[in-house]
Amino acid sequence: MNGTGVIANRKVSGIRKWLEGLTGGKSRADERVIPPFRVLVQKEIADQVRSWQFIILIVIITLTAMGSLYTALTNLGDSIKPDDPTSSYIFLKLFTLSDGTMPSFFVFLSFLGPVLGIALGFDAVNSEQNRGTLSRLLAQPIPRDYIINAKFVASLTVVSVMFFALGMLVTGLGVLVTGVPPTPGEFARILLFLGVSIVYVAFWLSMSVFLSVKFRQPATSALTGMAVWIFFTVFYTLIINMVVKVMDTPAVQANPASQILLVKLKLTLMRFAPNVLYSEAVSSLLIPSVRSLGPLTVEQLTGALPGPLPLGQSILLVWPHITALIAGTVIWFVLAYVPFMRREIRSR
């Protein structure tokens, strides 16, 4: 039996065990019945962690995290200054500090996170349909939406476990090297940073699941997802800068109010890119001295006390960014969910 049949038989056998538990077939009276959705999620998680694409990506992300941590630790002493109000947030500097030769930890995640999300979802549906295993799953007495929901939940679970394990690994190594434990405020900010990172990857994961439903070939969905990621990472910023440069006429430069409106327009257009939303959100959470994400006038700065923002104020500052990422994730998943439920799937 080939690998395709083995994967299909694993999922079908798990569902059959669930049916036997309901009908009292081979199961004992006290045997715990596993719901079919949990069976699908467990099998999808097993398939994800055993795939070469996931193993390669987790090795790359771990190596880059260790490189960023080494760079931050070697420059940690020089970054602490007596007059710096954020010098007490030592652990947060492990995720944000860079010497220019290697990007910081959260910059690496903003770059590799989309690749991880696309890699976990670009062949979620179309690969099983091409192998003929999708029709075998649909032949079982389970709701159709269990399949696409299980694929998304399983991939999101794998990403969540990996990110929290990686974040705790960096924190633990920081404790061993510095000898200073993180404060409750620092630990809460680290957890929020990891949560926002998971939401950011979930955005690209839901988009790749949509592409796997839209296109029949996995190569097409993978190339389309990478093209979207490259567009927002490279070309979108160039296009916005060109548009703003054309609008920045001498009349606008002579009027301070018009300049402020132009800057606000540029920021609004830039925030349509998910990587910009993520970078602004995590930088505000990991750098408490960030007090605003937009232009400030002299009148607004008058009377402001220098110092880091409390955690609650930082959350209020980045809450629109988090909401936008969650909304984008839901929209992409709905666009994948509706055509998958309406599609006619035949056996090969």
Protein backbone atom coordinates (compact mmCIF):
# COMPACT_ATOMS: atom_id res chain seq x y z
CA MET A 1 0.00 0.00 0.00
CA ASN A 2 1.36 3.44 -0.91
CA GLY A 3 1.63 6.49 1.37
CA THR A 4 -1.67 7.90 0.12
CA GLY A 5 -3.61 4.85 1.23
CA VAL A 6 -1.87 4.79 4.59
CA ILE A 7 -2.83 8.40 5.34
CA ALA A 8 -6.43 7.84 4.31
CA ASN A 9 -6.70 4.59 6.28
CA ARG A 10 -5.40 6.30 9.44
CA LYS A 11 -8.13 8.91 9.35
CA VAL A 12 -10.86 6.46 8.30
CA SER A 13 -9.87 3.93 10.97
CA GLY A 14 -10.05 6.60 13.64
CA ILE A 15 -13.55 7.56 12.55
CA ARG A 16 -14.60 3.92 12.45
CA LYS A 17 -13.42 3.48 16.05
CA TRP A 18 -15.58 6.43 16.97
CA LEU A 19 -18.59 4.83 15.26
CA GLU A 20 -17.93 1.53 17.03
CA GLY A 21 -17.91 3.37 20.33
CA LEU A 22 -21.31 4.85 19.57
CA THR A 23 -22.84 1.57 18.44
CA GLY A 24 -21.21 -0.56 21.14
CA GLY A 25 -19.39 -2.71 18.58
CA LYS A 26 -15.89 -3.67 19.68
CA SER A 27 -15.39 -1.09 22.39
CA ARG A 28 -15.75 -1.80 26.05
CA ALA A 29 -18.45 -0.19 28.15
CA ASP A 30 -16.04 2.05 29.97
CA GLU A 31 -13.91 2.94 26.92
CA ARG A 32 -13.62 6.63 26.23
CA VAL A 33 -15.15 7.62 22.90
CA ILE A 34 -13.01 10.07 20.92
CA PRO A 35 -15.05 12.55 18.85
CA PRO A 36 -14.37 12.41 15.10
CA PHE A 37 -13.21 16.03 14.97
CA ARG A 38 -10.50 15.29 17.53
CA VAL A 39 -9.46 12.24 15.51
CA LEU A 40 -9.05 14.37 12.39
CA VAL A 41 -7.11 17.05 14.28
CA GLN A 42 -4.76 14.49 15.81
CA LYS A 43 -4.06 12.87 12.46
CA GLU A 44 -3.48 16.22 10.78
CA ILE A 45 -1.06 17.24 13.54
CA ALA A 46 0.80 13.95 13.12
CA ASP A 47 1.03 14.50 9.37
CA GLN A 48 2.27 18.08 9.83
CA VAL A 49 5.05 17.35 12.31
CA ARG A 50 6.29 14.42 10.20
CA SER A 51 6.44 16.38 6.96
CA TRP A 52 9.82 17.49 5.65
CA GLN A 53 8.61 21.01 4.91
CA PHE A 54 7.74 21.55 8.57
CA ILE A 55 10.99 20.01 9.81
CA ILE A 56 13.06 22.23 7.51
CA LEU A 57 11.18 25.38 8.52
CA ILE A 58 11.40 24.69 12.24
CA VAL A 59 15.15 24.11 11.94
CA ILE A 60 15.57 27.41 10.05
CA ILE A 61 13.45 29.36 12.54
CA THR A 62 15.26 27.84 15.51
CA LEU A 63 18.69 28.62 14.08
CA THR A 64 17.72 32.22 13.31
CA ALA A 65 16.26 32.59 16.81
CA MET A 66 19.47 31.35 18.37
CA GLY A 67 21.51 33.71 16.17
CA SER A 68 19.35 36.66 17.16
CA LEU A 69 19.59 35.68 20.82
CA TYR A 70 23.39 35.48 20.63
CA THR A 71 23.55 38.92 19.02
CA ALA A 72 21.24 40.38 21.67
CA LEU A 73 23.20 38.85 24.55
CA THR A 74 26.55 40.10 23.25
CA ASN A 75 25.22 43.66 22.96
CA LEU A 76 23.01 43.64 26.04
CA GLY A 77 25.55 45.33 28.31
CA ASP A 78 26.13 48.22 25.92
CA SER A 79 22.40 48.87 25.49
CA ILE A 80 21.73 49.44 29.21
CA LYS A 81 22.20 53.11 30.09
CA PRO A 82 21.52 54.85 33.42
CA ASP A 83 19.32 57.57 31.88
CA ASP A 84 17.31 55.14 29.75
CA PRO A 85 13.76 54.72 31.15
CA THR A 86 13.46 51.29 29.47
CA SER A 87 16.71 49.94 30.93
CA SER A 88 14.70 47.94 33.46
CA TYR A 89 13.12 45.90 30.65
CA ILE A 90 16.16 43.69 30.12
CA PHE A 91 14.35 40.62 28.87
CA LEU A 92 12.43 42.53 26.24
CA LYS A 93 15.75 43.58 24.74
CA LEU A 94 16.48 39.92 23.99
CA PHE A 95 13.68 40.05 21.40
CA THR A 96 14.38 43.52 19.98
CA LEU A 97 18.13 44.18 20.28
CA SER A 98 20.31 44.06 17.17
CA ASP A 99 23.80 45.25 16.28
CA GLY A 100 23.05 45.75 12.59
CA THR A 101 24.70 42.55 11.39
CA MET A 102 21.72 40.33 12.18
CA PRO A 103 18.06 41.36 12.58
CA SER A 104 16.32 41.04 15.89
CA PHE A 105 14.12 38.10 16.87
CA PHE A 106 10.76 39.69 16.05
CA VAL A 107 12.07 40.92 12.68
CA PHE A 108 13.00 37.35 11.80
CA LEU A 109 9.52 36.18 12.79
CA SER A 110 7.89 38.86 10.65
CA PHE A 111 9.92 37.55 7.70
CA LEU A 112 9.68 33.78 8.28
CA GLY A 113 6.18 33.67 9.79
CA PRO A 114 4.38 34.04 6.43
CA VAL A 115 6.57 31.31 4.92
CA LEU A 116 5.58 28.98 7.74
CA GLY A 117 1.88 29.74 7.34
CA ILE A 118 1.97 29.25 3.57
CA ALA A 119 3.97 26.02 3.88
CA LEU A 120 1.47 24.49 6.30
CA GLY A 121 -1.64 25.26 4.27
CA PHE A 122 -0.89 25.48 0.55
CA ASP A 123 -1.69 21.77 -0.01
CA ALA A 124 -4.28 21.28 2.71
CA VAL A 125 -7.21 20.43 0.41
CA ASN A 126 -5.96 20.10 -3.16
CA SER A 127 -3.31 17.48 -2.36
CA GLU A 128 -5.86 15.15 -0.77
CA GLN A 129 -8.24 15.74 -3.65
CA ASN A 130 -5.53 14.88 -6.18
CA ARG A 131 -4.59 11.73 -4.27
CA GLY A 132 -8.22 10.63 -4.00
CA THR A 133 -8.24 10.50 -0.18
CA LEU A 134 -10.67 13.40 0.21
CA SER A 135 -13.57 11.42 -1.25
CA ARG A 136 -12.83 8.56 1.15
CA LEU A 137 -13.04 10.93 4.10
CA LEU A 138 -16.29 12.42 2.85
CA ALA A 139 -17.74 8.93 2.50
CA GLN A 140 -17.64 8.60 6.29
CA PRO A 141 -20.66 9.81 8.35
CA ILE A 142 -19.04 13.05 9.52
CA PRO A 143 -19.89 16.66 8.66
CA ARG A 144 -17.96 18.00 5.69
CA ASP A 145 -16.78 21.12 7.52
CA TYR A 146 -14.95 18.92 10.03
CA ILE A 147 -12.28 18.33 7.39
CA ILE A 148 -11.35 21.93 6.60
CA ASN A 149 -11.81 23.01 10.23
CA ALA A 150 -9.55 20.20 11.43
CA LYS A 151 -6.85 21.14 8.94
CA PHE A 152 -6.85 24.77 10.08
CA VAL A 153 -7.02 23.94 13.80
CA ALA A 154 -4.24 21.35 13.51
CA SER A 155 -1.88 23.70 11.67
CA LEU A 156 -2.67 26.53 14.11
CA THR A 157 -2.01 24.19 17.05
CA VAL A 158 1.38 23.20 15.62
CA VAL A 159 2.30 26.88 15.12
CA SER A 160 1.15 27.82 18.64
CA VAL A 161 3.13 25.05 20.32
CA MET A 162 6.23 25.85 18.27
CA PHE A 163 6.12 29.60 18.96
CA PHE A 164 5.48 29.26 22.68
CA ALA A 165 8.22 26.64 22.98
CA LEU A 166 10.63 28.87 21.08
CA GLY A 167 9.69 31.91 23.16
CA MET A 168 10.13 30.03 26.42
CA LEU A 169 13.46 28.67 25.14
CA VAL A 170 14.74 32.19 24.49
CA THR A 171 13.47 33.33 27.89
CA GLY A 172 15.07 30.38 29.67
CA LEU A 173 18.42 30.91 27.99
CA GLY A 174 18.20 34.57 28.91
CA VAL A 175 17.69 33.66 32.56
CA LEU A 176 20.68 31.30 32.47
CA VAL A 177 22.98 33.87 30.89
CA THR A 178 21.91 37.04 32.69
CA GLY A 179 20.94 35.45 36.00
CA VAL A 180 17.96 37.81 36.29
CA PRO A 181 14.38 36.47 35.99
CA PRO A 182 11.82 38.45 33.99
CA THR A 183 9.37 40.65 35.84
CA PRO A 184 5.64 39.88 35.61
CA GLY A 185 5.20 42.83 33.26
CA GLU A 186 7.95 41.60 30.95
CA PHE A 187 6.59 38.06 30.96
CA ALA A 188 3.10 39.33 30.09
CA ARG A 189 4.50 41.36 27.20
CA ILE A 190 6.41 38.31 25.93
CA LEU A 191 3.23 36.21 26.03
CA LEU A 192 1.32 38.91 24.17
CA PHE A 193 4.10 39.10 21.59
CA LEU A 194 3.88 35.34 21.02
CA GLY A 195 0.09 35.56 20.78
CA VAL A 196 0.25 38.32 18.16
CA SER A 197 2.85 36.28 16.25
CA ILE A 198 0.46 33.31 16.18
CA VAL A 199 -2.35 35.53 14.87
CA TYR A 200 0.02 36.86 12.20
CA VAL A 201 0.90 33.35 11.02
CA ALA A 202 -2.79 32.38 11.17
CA PHE A 203 -3.52 35.16 8.67
CA TRP A 204 -1.16 33.62 6.12
CA LEU A 205 -2.31 30.12 7.01
CA SER A 206 -5.95 30.93 6.28
CA MET A 207 -4.92 32.59 3.02
CA SER A 208 -2.97 29.49 1.97
CA VAL A 209 -5.94 27.25 2.86
CA PHE A 210 -8.10 29.43 0.61
CA LEU A 211 -5.56 29.02 -2.19
CA SER A 212 -5.56 25.25 -1.70
CA VAL A 213 -9.33 25.26 -2.19
CA LYS A 214 -9.17 27.69 -5.11
CA PHE A 215 -6.46 25.96 -7.15
CA ARG A 216 -6.30 22.28 -8.04
CA GLN A 217 -2.48 22.02 -8.15
CA PRO A 218 -0.45 22.53 -4.92
CA ALA A 219 2.39 24.15 -6.88
CA THR A 220 0.02 26.86 -8.15
CA SER A 221 -1.32 27.62 -4.69
CA ALA A 222 2.20 27.71 -3.22
CA LEU A 223 3.51 30.08 -5.91
CA THR A 224 0.46 32.33 -5.54
CA GLY A 225 0.90 32.52 -1.78
CA MET A 226 4.59 33.35 -2.11
CA ALA A 227 3.77 36.00 -4.73
CA VAL A 228 1.30 37.67 -2.36
CA TRP A 229 3.88 37.60 0.45
CA ILE A 230 6.61 39.09 -1.77
CA PHE A 231 4.21 41.77 -3.01
CA PHE A 232 3.38 43.00 0.49
CA THR A 233 6.96 42.64 1.73
CA VAL A 234 8.76 44.40 -1.14
CA PHE A 235 6.61 45.98 -3.81
CA TYR A 236 3.72 47.34 -1.75
CA THR A 237 5.99 49.69 0.20
CA LEU A 238 7.63 50.89 -3.02
CA ILE A 239 4.24 51.61 -4.61
CA ILE A 240 3.00 53.57 -1.60
CA ASN A 241 6.21 55.62 -1.45
CA MET A 242 5.90 56.45 -5.14
CA VAL A 243 2.27 57.54 -4.74
CA VAL A 244 3.08 59.69 -1.72
CA LYS A 245 6.05 61.24 -3.54
CA VAL A 246 3.79 62.26 -6.42
CA MET A 247 1.29 63.81 -4.01
CA ASP A 248 4.00 65.69 -2.10
CA THR A 249 3.82 68.86 -4.20
CA PRO A 250 5.39 72.22 -3.24
CA ALA A 251 1.96 73.44 -2.16
CA VAL A 252 1.66 70.55 0.27
CA GLN A 253 5.17 71.11 1.60
CA ALA A 254 4.35 74.75 2.33
CA ASN A 255 1.32 73.80 4.45
CA PRO A 256 2.07 71.95 7.74
CA ALA A 257 -1.53 70.72 8.03
CA SER A 258 -1.35 69.21 4.54
CA GLN A 259 1.94 67.51 5.41
CA ILE A 260 0.36 65.90 8.47
CA LEU A 261 -2.58 64.69 6.40
CA LEU A 262 -0.19 63.24 3.82
CA VAL A 263 1.76 61.39 6.52
CA LYS A 264 -1.47 60.02 7.98
CA LEU A 265 -2.58 58.91 4.52
CA LYS A 266 0.72 57.12 4.01
CA LEU A 267 0.44 55.34 7.35
CA THR A 268 -3.15 54.31 6.61
CA LEU A 269 -2.20 52.86 3.23
CA MET A 270 0.85 51.11 4.65
CA ARG A 271 -1.28 49.42 7.30
CA PHE A 272 -3.14 47.47 4.65
CA ALA A 273 -0.03 45.28 4.58
CA PRO A 274 -0.15 42.56 7.27
CA ASN A 275 3.60 42.69 7.87
CA VAL A 276 3.34 46.40 8.75
CA LEU A 277 0.51 45.70 11.18
CA TYR A 278 2.54 42.97 12.82
CA SER A 279 5.75 45.00 13.04
CA GLU A 280 3.99 47.99 14.62
CA ALA A 281 2.06 45.79 17.06
CA VAL A 282 5.01 43.77 18.36
CA SER A 283 7.36 46.76 18.47
CA SER A 284 4.87 48.59 20.69
CA LEU A 285 4.54 45.56 22.97
CA LEU A 286 8.26 44.79 23.22
CA ILE A 287 9.45 48.43 23.37
CA PRO A 288 7.42 50.14 26.12
CA SER A 289 8.91 53.54 25.24
CA VAL A 290 6.83 53.61 22.04
CA ARG A 291 4.02 56.00 22.89
CA SER A 292 2.44 56.57 19.48
CA LEU A 293 2.29 54.94 16.06
CA GLY A 294 1.50 58.12 14.15
CA PRO A 295 2.77 61.69 13.78
CA LEU A 296 2.81 63.87 16.90
CA THR A 297 2.70 67.65 17.00
CA VAL A 298 4.59 69.87 19.42
CA GLU A 299 1.36 70.65 21.25
CA GLN A 300 0.75 66.95 21.85
CA LEU A 301 4.27 66.48 23.23
CA THR A 302 4.00 69.44 25.59
CA GLY A 303 3.61 68.21 29.15
CA ALA A 304 4.16 64.55 28.29
CA LEU A 305 6.21 62.71 30.90
CA PRO A 306 9.09 60.63 29.49
CA GLY A 307 8.93 56.97 30.40
CA PRO A 308 7.60 53.61 29.29
CA LEU A 309 3.90 53.02 28.76
CA PRO A 310 2.03 50.68 31.10
CA LEU A 311 0.99 47.33 29.68
CA GLY A 312 -2.66 48.32 29.43
CA GLN A 313 -1.85 51.44 27.42
CA SER A 314 0.39 49.47 25.08
CA ILE A 315 -2.44 47.00 24.47
CA LEU A 316 -4.85 49.85 23.69
CA LEU A 317 -2.28 51.28 21.29
CA VAL A 318 -1.98 48.08 19.25
CA TRP A 319 -5.50 46.71 19.65
CA PRO A 320 -6.64 48.00 16.20
CA HIS A 321 -3.70 46.19 14.59
CA ILE A 322 -4.55 42.91 16.33
CA THR A 323 -8.22 43.29 15.39
CA ALA A 324 -7.30 43.89 11.75
CA LEU A 325 -5.13 40.74 11.65
CA ILE A 326 -7.91 38.65 13.23
CA ALA A 327 -10.46 40.08 10.81
CA GLY A 328 -8.23 39.28 7.84
CA THR A 329 -7.79 35.73 9.12
CA VAL A 330 -11.54 35.23 9.44
CA ILE A 331 -12.20 36.69 5.97
CA TRP A 332 -9.67 34.39 4.29
CA PHE A 333 -11.05 31.35 6.10
CA VAL A 334 -14.63 32.19 5.17
CA LEU A 335 -13.57 32.55 1.54
CA ALA A 336 -12.10 29.04 1.76
CA TYR A 337 -14.96 27.55 3.81
CA VAL A 338 -17.88 28.52 1.54
CA PRO A 339 -16.57 27.07 -1.77
CA PHE A 340 -15.30 23.94 -0.01
CA MET A 341 -18.78 23.25 1.41
CA ARG A 342 -20.39 23.77 -2.00
CA ARG A 343 -17.86 21.86 -4.10
CA GLU A 344 -18.77 18.54 -5.65
CA ILE A 345 -16.02 16.04 -4.89
CA ARG A 346 -16.01 12.78 -6.78
CA SER A 347 -13.90 9.69 -6.28
CA ARG A 348 -11.16 9.01 -8.79
